[in-house]
Amino acid sequence: MIPDPNRQKQAARTSPNPLPPRQEKTVKLAALDGDLNATDNLSRMDAKQHLQAMLNDDKLRTPQRVKEYVRRHQRSHNHFEKIIWFDLASKRKTELNASPQEWHKKR
């Protein structure tokens, strides 16, 4: 088999030139920053969706039921590190915290 010289020249012209190290680092950091922002936005959208569902659930009107709901969801949604519940009827504030070690504990 004999390589086609025209094909090799065309491949050489269409191959991207490697970036200088400093520029490559800048491009990679920009891509990483974009990924972090996208992940943050997805996390916020997920939390908002769960919080809206929680607020629309008539069974979740007491601090204890909210606490049970949050604890259950913290195991599978580790970005729920803290939720602060204000009960307007009793004027009480309940803080629901979770450390990474607590996320997978059975409750």
Protein backbone atom coordinates (compact mmCIF):
# COMPACT_ATOMS: atom_id res chain seq x y z
CA MET A 1 0.00 0.00 0.00
CA ILE A 2 1.39 3.38 -1.02
CA PRO A 3 0.28 6.53 0.85
CA ASP A 4 -1.34 9.28 -1.22
CA PRO A 5 0.91 12.39 -0.96
CA ASN A 6 -2.03 14.74 -1.71
CA ARG A 7 -3.98 13.30 1.19
CA GLN A 8 -1.04 13.82 3.56
CA LYS A 9 -0.72 17.47 2.48
CA GLN A 10 -4.45 18.05 2.99
CA ALA A 11 -4.32 16.44 6.45
CA ALA A 12 -1.38 18.64 7.40
CA ARG A 13 -3.32 21.77 6.36
CA THR A 14 -6.47 20.84 8.30
CA SER A 15 -4.71 19.70 11.49
CA PRO A 16 -4.92 22.34 14.22
CA ASN A 17 -1.66 23.80 15.39
CA PRO A 18 -0.99 23.22 19.08
CA LEU A 19 -1.45 26.27 21.26
CA PRO A 20 1.44 27.79 23.15
CA PRO A 21 1.38 26.54 26.80
CA ARG A 22 0.20 29.85 28.26
CA GLN A 23 -2.66 30.14 25.76
CA GLU A 24 -3.58 26.46 26.25
CA LYS A 25 -3.79 27.05 30.01
CA THR A 26 -6.06 30.07 29.45
CA VAL A 27 -8.36 28.07 27.17
CA LYS A 28 -8.53 25.17 29.64
CA LEU A 29 -9.26 27.49 32.58
CA ALA A 30 -12.04 29.16 30.60
CA ALA A 31 -13.55 25.74 29.81
CA LEU A 32 -13.28 24.74 33.47
CA ASP A 33 -14.92 28.00 34.55
CA GLY A 34 -17.77 27.36 32.11
CA ASP A 35 -18.22 23.84 33.49
CA LEU A 36 -18.29 25.15 37.07
CA ASN A 37 -20.89 27.78 36.18
CA ALA A 38 -23.05 25.21 34.38
CA THR A 39 -22.82 22.83 37.36
CA ASP A 40 -23.73 25.66 39.75
CA ASN A 41 -26.74 26.59 37.63
CA LEU A 42 -27.92 22.96 37.46
CA SER A 43 -27.54 22.63 41.22
CA ARG A 44 -29.56 25.80 41.83
CA MET A 45 -32.29 24.70 39.42
CA ASP A 46 -32.50 21.30 41.13
CA ALA A 47 -32.68 22.86 44.59
CA LYS A 48 -35.32 25.35 43.44
CA GLN A 49 -37.43 22.56 41.96
CA HIS A 50 -37.29 20.54 45.19
CA LEU A 51 -38.00 23.56 47.37
CA GLN A 52 -41.01 24.52 45.23
CA ALA A 53 -42.33 20.95 45.47
CA MET A 54 -41.79 21.04 49.22
CA LEU A 55 -43.65 24.34 49.60
CA ASN A 56 -46.54 23.10 47.47
CA ASP A 57 -46.96 19.90 49.50
CA ASP A 58 -49.73 20.40 52.07
CA LYS A 59 -48.31 17.56 54.20
CA LEU A 60 -45.16 19.59 54.83
CA ARG A 61 -46.60 22.30 57.04
CA THR A 62 -44.81 21.51 60.29
CA PRO A 63 -41.10 21.87 61.07
CA GLN A 64 -40.87 18.15 61.88
CA ARG A 65 -42.29 17.08 58.52
CA VAL A 66 -40.06 19.55 56.69
CA LYS A 67 -37.08 18.18 58.63
CA GLU A 68 -37.97 14.60 57.61
CA TYR A 69 -38.34 15.64 53.97
CA VAL A 70 -35.04 17.51 53.95
CA ARG A 71 -33.14 14.70 55.66
CA ARG A 72 -34.51 12.20 53.15
CA HIS A 73 -33.44 14.36 50.22
CA GLN A 74 -30.03 15.28 51.63
CA ARG A 75 -28.90 11.69 51.17
CA SER A 76 -29.33 11.90 47.40
CA HIS A 77 -28.82 15.66 46.96
CA ASN A 78 -25.64 16.51 48.79
CA HIS A 79 -25.85 20.15 47.74
CA PHE A 80 -28.64 20.56 50.32
CA GLU A 81 -26.19 21.42 53.08
CA LYS A 82 -28.49 23.71 55.02
CA ILE A 83 -32.10 24.71 54.85
CA ILE A 84 -33.59 27.31 57.14
CA TRP A 85 -37.32 26.95 57.74
CA PHE A 86 -39.31 29.88 59.14
CA ASP A 87 -42.65 28.88 60.65
CA LEU A 88 -44.69 32.06 60.46
CA ALA A 89 -47.43 30.73 62.74
CA SER A 90 -45.10 30.03 65.66
CA LYS A 91 -42.44 32.55 64.62
CA ARG A 92 -39.83 29.81 64.99
CA LYS A 93 -36.76 29.24 62.90
CA THR A 94 -35.49 25.72 62.30
CA GLU A 95 -32.05 25.18 60.78
CA LEU A 96 -31.54 21.86 59.05
CA ASN A 97 -27.84 21.18 58.63
CA ALA A 98 -26.08 18.18 57.21
CA SER A 99 -22.43 17.32 57.15
CA PRO A 100 -21.17 15.03 54.37
CA GLN A 101 -20.98 12.19 56.93
CA GLU A 102 -24.68 12.61 57.75
CA TRP A 103 -25.92 12.53 54.15
CA HIS A 104 -25.84 8.74 53.94
CA LYS A 105 -26.94 7.90 57.46
CA LYS A 106 -30.26 6.16 57.83
CA ARG A 107 -32.78 8.24 59.75
